[in-house]
Amino acid sequence: MDSKSKEAYELQMTLADKGSLFSTSEIKEILEVLRGVSLKLIITNVPSEVFLYNAAQESFEDLFRSFDNQSKFVYLPSFQRALIYMNRPEAALLARLHTQGWTLPEHVRAGIPHSSANSNNSGINCYIGISGILMQMN
């Protein structure tokens, strides 16, 4: 097994543990598309607390840094969006698949004045943006 196939297989096993049905060959194809490009995640429906409170922003950033600790963040509060730049395609893919629907944790929300559990019911939407292309995987 070559290194790319091994990498795709290991990623497929990680995703399978989380309920993903992607095959190793599908993951290998996705990684090939993502290699060598600027890896940007486009996050929509970001909770307003992330733009206003350090604790909420830290929770949001920690979520994505768990996939790539060198992630860079650009916040667009007027659009309720964030851009996240990652260094590795597998990190971007895992982050995309694992963060879809994320909401601000209750313990963070509890420490924020006037925060409502209903402020972001559907959670965030996460897309992979590749040089003008938007890729959403369901």
Protein backbone atom coordinates (compact mmCIF):
# COMPACT_ATOMS: atom_id res chain seq x y z
CA MET A 1 0.00 0.00 0.00
CA ASP A 2 1.52 3.35 -1.03
CA SER A 3 1.64 6.28 1.39
CA LYS A 4 -1.36 8.09 -0.15
CA SER A 5 -3.50 4.97 0.03
CA LYS A 6 -2.40 4.37 3.61
CA GLU A 7 -3.22 7.98 4.54
CA ALA A 8 -6.67 7.68 2.90
CA TYR A 9 -7.31 4.37 4.66
CA GLU A 10 -6.37 5.78 8.08
CA LEU A 11 -8.58 8.81 7.49
CA GLN A 12 -11.42 6.55 6.34
CA MET A 13 -11.13 4.52 9.55
CA THR A 14 -11.20 7.70 11.66
CA LEU A 15 -14.28 8.92 9.82
CA ALA A 16 -15.97 5.51 10.00
CA ASP A 17 -15.71 5.66 13.79
CA LYS A 18 -17.81 8.85 13.56
CA GLY A 19 -20.40 7.26 11.28
CA SER A 20 -19.06 8.38 7.88
CA LEU A 21 -19.74 6.14 4.90
CA PHE A 22 -16.98 7.53 2.65
CA SER A 23 -14.91 4.80 1.02
CA THR A 24 -11.12 4.86 1.02
CA SER A 25 -11.11 5.61 -2.72
CA GLU A 26 -13.52 8.54 -2.24
CA ILE A 27 -11.34 9.99 0.51
CA LYS A 28 -8.23 9.51 -1.64
CA GLU A 29 -9.92 11.47 -4.47
CA ILE A 30 -10.97 14.27 -2.11
CA LEU A 31 -7.46 14.57 -0.69
CA GLU A 32 -6.00 14.74 -4.21
CA VAL A 33 -8.31 17.64 -5.04
CA LEU A 34 -7.39 19.43 -1.83
CA ARG A 35 -3.60 18.99 -2.05
CA GLY A 36 -1.57 22.00 -3.03
CA VAL A 37 -4.39 24.52 -2.79
CA SER A 38 -5.15 27.23 -0.30
CA LEU A 39 -7.28 25.46 2.26
CA LYS A 40 -10.00 27.71 3.55
CA LEU A 41 -13.05 26.76 5.55
CA ILE A 42 -16.00 29.09 5.22
CA ILE A 43 -18.16 29.00 8.33
CA THR A 44 -21.65 30.49 8.20
CA ASN A 45 -24.25 30.96 10.92
CA VAL A 46 -21.52 31.67 13.49
CA PRO A 47 -23.10 32.46 16.88
CA SER A 48 -23.04 36.21 17.57
CA GLU A 49 -21.39 35.50 20.95
CA VAL A 50 -18.24 34.38 19.11
CA PHE A 51 -17.78 37.94 17.82
CA LEU A 52 -18.53 39.58 21.17
CA TYR A 53 -17.06 37.44 23.96
CA ASN A 54 -13.55 36.04 24.40
CA ALA A 55 -14.76 32.82 26.03
CA ALA A 56 -17.04 32.07 23.08
CA GLN A 57 -14.32 32.91 20.55
CA GLU A 58 -11.82 30.69 22.39
CA SER A 59 -14.30 27.80 22.38
CA PHE A 60 -14.89 28.27 18.63
CA GLU A 61 -11.16 28.47 17.84
CA ASP A 62 -10.31 25.50 20.08
CA LEU A 63 -12.79 23.41 18.11
CA PHE A 64 -10.94 24.03 14.84
CA ARG A 65 -7.47 24.00 16.35
CA SER A 66 -8.17 20.44 17.48
CA PHE A 67 -7.83 19.55 13.77
CA ASP A 68 -4.97 21.93 12.91
CA ASN A 69 -3.27 23.82 15.72
CA GLN A 70 -1.90 26.37 13.25
CA SER A 71 -5.32 27.44 11.98
CA LYS A 72 -5.74 31.14 11.19
CA PHE A 73 -9.07 32.90 11.74
CA VAL A 74 -10.70 35.85 9.99
CA TYR A 75 -14.00 37.04 11.46
CA LEU A 76 -16.74 38.69 9.40
CA PRO A 77 -19.36 39.67 12.02
CA SER A 78 -21.52 41.64 9.58
CA PHE A 79 -22.14 38.41 7.68
CA GLN A 80 -22.12 36.11 10.73
CA ARG A 81 -19.21 34.26 9.12
CA ALA A 82 -15.66 33.23 9.76
CA LEU A 83 -12.90 32.13 7.42
CA ILE A 84 -10.46 29.56 8.73
CA TYR A 85 -7.21 28.80 6.94
CA MET A 86 -5.71 25.37 7.53
CA ASN A 87 -2.38 23.86 6.53
CA ARG A 88 -3.31 20.26 5.72
CA PRO A 89 -6.08 18.90 3.48
CA GLU A 90 -6.92 16.07 5.88
CA ALA A 91 -7.35 18.61 8.70
CA ALA A 92 -9.72 20.68 6.57
CA LEU A 93 -11.70 17.59 5.57
CA LEU A 94 -12.00 16.32 9.15
CA ALA A 95 -12.93 19.76 10.46
CA ARG A 96 -15.58 20.12 7.76
CA LEU A 97 -17.14 16.76 8.55
CA HIS A 98 -16.98 16.99 12.34
CA THR A 99 -18.03 20.60 12.95
CA GLN A 100 -21.17 20.80 10.82
CA GLY A 101 -24.03 21.83 13.11
CA TRP A 102 -21.77 22.80 16.05
CA THR A 103 -23.35 25.11 18.60
CA LEU A 104 -21.80 27.04 21.44
CA PRO A 105 -21.45 24.67 24.42
CA GLU A 106 -23.86 25.26 27.28
CA HIS A 107 -21.07 25.80 29.84
CA VAL A 108 -19.70 28.65 27.69
CA ARG A 109 -23.15 30.07 27.01
CA ALA A 110 -23.91 30.05 30.76
CA GLY A 111 -21.07 32.50 31.41
CA ILE A 112 -22.29 35.01 28.83
CA PRO A 113 -24.83 37.63 29.94
CA HIS A 114 -28.13 37.61 28.03
CA SER A 115 -27.07 34.62 25.95
CA SER A 116 -29.94 32.53 24.67
CA ALA A 117 -29.81 28.83 23.94
CA ASN A 118 -32.08 29.61 20.99
CA SER A 119 -29.73 32.08 19.33
CA ASN A 120 -28.21 29.48 16.99
CA ASN A 121 -30.50 26.44 16.91
CA SER A 122 -29.25 24.92 13.68
CA GLY A 123 -25.56 25.33 14.44
CA ILE A 124 -22.81 26.39 12.09
CA ASN A 125 -22.49 25.47 8.44
CA CYS A 126 -19.00 24.55 7.30
CA TYR A 127 -17.83 24.61 3.68
CA ILE A 128 -14.45 24.02 2.07
CA GLY A 129 -13.53 26.95 -0.14
CA ILE A 130 -10.91 26.23 -2.79
CA SER A 131 -9.74 29.16 -4.89
CA GLY A 132 -13.18 30.46 -5.73
CA ILE A 133 -14.85 27.05 -5.52
CA LEU A 134 -17.21 26.17 -2.71
CA MET A 135 -17.39 22.47 -1.85
CA GLN A 136 -20.10 21.11 0.42
CA MET A 137 -20.17 17.41 1.21
CA ASN A 138 -23.28 15.87 2.73
